[in-house]
Amino acid sequence: QLQLVESVGDLVQPGESLRLSCVASGSLRWINMGWYREAPGKRRELVAALGADGRTDYADAVKGRFTISKDNSKNTLYLQMNSLKPEDTAVYYCNTEVGLWPWGQGTQVTVTS
């Protein structure tokens, strides 16, 4: 297992964009990774997945707005979030696609006008 450190979140207005990053303590090259979020009063959910083969998958709520990617040379996973909505407000986490590793502290994203 690797240690994961998410970037600092932000407070943005609806329609704005934000990119999250997640730095791992080792290589992510052969690992299926994911971004999760946990909104107040809701269960943690997988919103984007990136397979080691390049396959991507998105939750319906973010499809077309969010893009998951990674830079293997930097051991970093990214989540580009465009056209943000208030309902995207949550704590965001990275982990393997099935959440195998210890969870990091997450990063708070708040979308509000």
C-alpha atoms as a PDB file:
ATOM      1  CA  GLN A   1       0.000   0.000   0.000  1.00  0.00           C
ATOM      2  CA  LEU A   2       1.050   3.585  -0.561  1.00  0.00           C
ATOM      3  CA  GLN A   3       0.549   6.780   1.320  1.00  0.00           C
ATOM      4  CA  LEU A   4      -1.652   9.319  -0.425  1.00  0.00           C
ATOM      5  CA  VAL A   5      -1.706  13.066   0.056  1.00  0.00           C
ATOM      6  CA  GLU A   6      -4.456  15.098  -1.539  1.00  0.00           C
ATOM      7  CA  SER A   7      -3.945  18.719  -2.504  1.00  0.00           C
ATOM      8  CA  VAL A   8      -5.605  21.542  -0.633  1.00  0.00           C
ATOM      9  CA  GLY A   9      -9.181  22.158  -1.712  1.00  0.00           C
ATOM     10  CA  ASP A  10     -10.878  25.436  -2.346  1.00  0.00           C
ATOM     11  CA  LEU A  11     -14.063  27.422  -2.253  1.00  0.00           C
ATOM     12  CA  VAL A  12     -15.308  28.205  -5.740  1.00  0.00           C
ATOM     13  CA  GLN A  13     -18.389  29.603  -7.380  1.00  0.00           C
ATOM     14  CA  PRO A  14     -20.769  27.570  -9.506  1.00  0.00           C
ATOM     15  CA  GLY A  15     -19.481  27.149 -13.023  1.00  0.00           C
ATOM     16  CA  GLU A  16     -15.852  27.468 -12.059  1.00  0.00           C
ATOM     17  CA  SER A  17     -13.141  24.846 -12.413  1.00  0.00           C
ATOM     18  CA  LEU A  18     -10.729  23.242  -9.993  1.00  0.00           C
ATOM     19  CA  ARG A  19      -8.027  20.613 -10.297  1.00  0.00           C
ATOM     20  CA  LEU A  20      -7.270  18.262  -7.448  1.00  0.00           C
ATOM     21  CA  SER A  21      -4.063  16.310  -7.170  1.00  0.00           C
ATOM     22  CA  CYS A  22      -3.059  13.295  -5.148  1.00  0.00           C
ATOM     23  CA  VAL A  23       0.583  12.455  -4.651  1.00  0.00           C
ATOM     24  CA  ALA A  24       1.458   8.872  -3.855  1.00  0.00           C
ATOM     25  CA  SER A  25       4.512   7.629  -2.003  1.00  0.00           C
ATOM     26  CA  GLY A  26       5.221   5.196  -4.826  1.00  0.00           C
ATOM     27  CA  SER A  27       4.365   4.345  -8.385  1.00  0.00           C
ATOM     28  CA  LEU A  28       0.752   4.346  -9.535  1.00  0.00           C
ATOM     29  CA  ARG A  29       1.639   2.976 -12.953  1.00  0.00           C
ATOM     30  CA  TRP A  30       0.046  -0.452 -12.543  1.00  0.00           C
ATOM     31  CA  ILE A  31      -2.734   0.425 -10.148  1.00  0.00           C
ATOM     32  CA  ASN A  32      -6.381   1.117 -10.846  1.00  0.00           C
ATOM     33  CA  MET A  33      -7.082   4.385  -9.070  1.00  0.00           C
ATOM     34  CA  GLY A  34     -10.130   6.407  -8.175  1.00  0.00           C
ATOM     35  CA  TRP A  35     -11.400   9.669  -6.783  1.00  0.00           C
ATOM     36  CA  TYR A  36     -14.108   9.528  -4.172  1.00  0.00           C
ATOM     37  CA  ARG A  37     -16.184  12.137  -2.438  1.00  0.00           C
ATOM     38  CA  GLU A  38     -18.193  12.327   0.713  1.00  0.00           C
ATOM     39  CA  ALA A  39     -20.834  14.995   0.986  1.00  0.00           C
ATOM     40  CA  PRO A  40     -22.412  15.967   4.314  1.00  0.00           C
ATOM     41  CA  GLY A  41     -24.904  13.341   5.365  1.00  0.00           C
ATOM     42  CA  LYS A  42     -24.074  11.050   2.469  1.00  0.00           C
ATOM     43  CA  ARG A  43     -21.972   7.952   1.978  1.00  0.00           C
ATOM     44  CA  ARG A  44     -18.588   8.129   0.361  1.00  0.00           C
ATOM     45  CA  GLU A  45     -18.931   7.482  -3.355  1.00  0.00           C
ATOM     46  CA  LEU A  46     -16.594   6.741  -6.218  1.00  0.00           C
ATOM     47  CA  VAL A  47     -16.884   9.532  -8.769  1.00  0.00           C
ATOM     48  CA  ALA A  48     -14.059   8.741 -11.180  1.00  0.00           C
ATOM     49  CA  ALA A  49     -11.882   5.728 -11.889  1.00  0.00           C
ATOM     50  CA  LEU A  50      -8.766   5.296 -13.978  1.00  0.00           C
ATOM     51  CA  GLY A  51      -7.500   1.857 -14.847  1.00  0.00           C
ATOM     52  CA  ALA A  52      -3.856   1.009 -15.326  1.00  0.00           C
ATOM     53  CA  ASP A  53      -4.824   0.354 -18.941  1.00  0.00           C
ATOM     54  CA  GLY A  54      -6.151   3.873 -19.339  1.00  0.00           C
ATOM     55  CA  ARG A  55      -9.799   2.961 -18.962  1.00  0.00           C
ATOM     56  CA  THR A  56     -11.875   5.669 -17.329  1.00  0.00           C
ATOM     57  CA  ASP A  57     -15.266   5.550 -15.711  1.00  0.00           C
ATOM     58  CA  TYR A  58     -17.357   8.266 -14.139  1.00  0.00           C
ATOM     59  CA  ALA A  59     -20.373   8.551 -11.959  1.00  0.00           C
ATOM     60  CA  ASP A  60     -23.366   9.890 -13.862  1.00  0.00           C
ATOM     61  CA  ALA A  61     -23.402  13.020 -11.715  1.00  0.00           C
ATOM     62  CA  VAL A  62     -19.972  14.117 -12.945  1.00  0.00           C
ATOM     63  CA  LYS A  63     -19.808  12.607 -16.409  1.00  0.00           C
ATOM     64  CA  GLY A  64     -18.808  15.201 -18.984  1.00  0.00           C
ATOM     65  CA  ARG A  65     -17.581  17.615 -16.331  1.00  0.00           C
ATOM     66  CA  PHE A  66     -14.830  15.769 -14.479  1.00  0.00           C
ATOM     67  CA  THR A  67     -11.696  14.198 -15.935  1.00  0.00           C
ATOM     68  CA  ILE A  68      -9.398  11.811 -14.113  1.00  0.00           C
ATOM     69  CA  SER A  69      -5.791  11.455 -15.191  1.00  0.00           C
ATOM     70  CA  LYS A  70      -2.382  10.687 -13.809  1.00  0.00           C
ATOM     71  CA  ASP A  71       1.264  11.463 -14.323  1.00  0.00           C
ATOM     72  CA  ASN A  72       3.247   8.323 -13.715  1.00  0.00           C
ATOM     73  CA  SER A  73       6.535  10.238 -13.665  1.00  0.00           C
ATOM     74  CA  LYS A  74       5.248  12.232 -10.690  1.00  0.00           C
ATOM     75  CA  ASN A  75       3.270   9.461  -8.968  1.00  0.00           C
ATOM     76  CA  THR A  76       0.345  11.855  -9.079  1.00  0.00           C
ATOM     77  CA  LEU A  77      -3.336  11.379  -9.755  1.00  0.00           C
ATOM     78  CA  TYR A  78      -5.465  14.325 -10.879  1.00  0.00           C
ATOM     79  CA  LEU A  79      -9.120  15.230 -11.010  1.00  0.00           C
ATOM     80  CA  GLN A  80     -10.022  18.124 -13.265  1.00  0.00           C
ATOM     81  CA  MET A  81     -13.421  19.432 -12.277  1.00  0.00           C
ATOM     82  CA  ASN A  82     -15.229  21.804 -14.622  1.00  0.00           C
ATOM     83  CA  SER A  83     -18.634  23.439 -14.475  1.00  0.00           C
ATOM     84  CA  LEU A  84     -18.783  22.876 -10.753  1.00  0.00           C
ATOM     85  CA  LYS A  85     -22.161  22.794  -9.065  1.00  0.00           C
ATOM     86  CA  PRO A  86     -23.167  23.300  -5.433  1.00  0.00           C
ATOM     87  CA  GLU A  87     -23.958  19.588  -5.229  1.00  0.00           C
ATOM     88  CA  ASP A  88     -20.297  18.854  -5.911  1.00  0.00           C
ATOM     89  CA  THR A  89     -19.507  20.210  -2.467  1.00  0.00           C
ATOM     90  CA  ALA A  90     -17.806  17.409  -0.563  1.00  0.00           C
ATOM     91  CA  VAL A  91     -14.562  16.118   0.847  1.00  0.00           C
ATOM     92  CA  TYR A  92     -12.660  14.452  -1.964  1.00  0.00           C
ATOM     93  CA  TYR A  93     -10.321  11.514  -1.529  1.00  0.00           C
ATOM     94  CA  CYS A  94      -8.086   9.436  -3.757  1.00  0.00           C
ATOM     95  CA  ASN A  95      -7.525   5.734  -3.311  1.00  0.00           C
ATOM     96  CA  THR A  96      -7.384   2.580  -5.339  1.00  0.00           C
ATOM     97  CA  GLU A  97     -10.499   1.930  -7.396  1.00  0.00           C
ATOM     98  CA  VAL A  98     -11.808  -0.335  -4.662  1.00  0.00           C
ATOM     99  CA  GLY A  99     -10.564   1.682  -1.719  1.00  0.00           C
ATOM    100  CA  LEU A 100      -7.940  -0.755  -0.513  1.00  0.00           C
ATOM    101  CA  TRP A 101      -5.475   1.626   1.087  1.00  0.00           C
ATOM    102  CA  PRO A 102      -5.726   3.738   4.219  1.00  0.00           C
ATOM    103  CA  TRP A 103      -7.690   6.891   3.536  1.00  0.00           C
ATOM    104  CA  GLY A 104      -5.926  10.236   3.556  1.00  0.00           C
ATOM    105  CA  GLN A 105      -7.365  13.320   5.142  1.00  0.00           C
ATOM    106  CA  GLY A 106      -9.130  14.313   1.955  1.00  0.00           C
ATOM    107  CA  THR A 107      -9.593  17.768   0.574  1.00  0.00           C
ATOM    108  CA  GLN A 108     -12.615  20.001   1.029  1.00  0.00           C
ATOM    109  CA  VAL A 109     -14.229  21.388  -2.093  1.00  0.00           C
ATOM    110  CA  THR A 110     -17.002  23.902  -1.545  1.00  0.00           C
ATOM    111  CA  VAL A 111     -19.075  25.246  -4.411  1.00  0.00           C
ATOM    112  CA  THR A 112     -21.185  28.200  -3.428  1.00  0.00           C
ATOM    113  CA  SER A 113     -22.240  31.556  -4.708  1.00  0.00           C
END
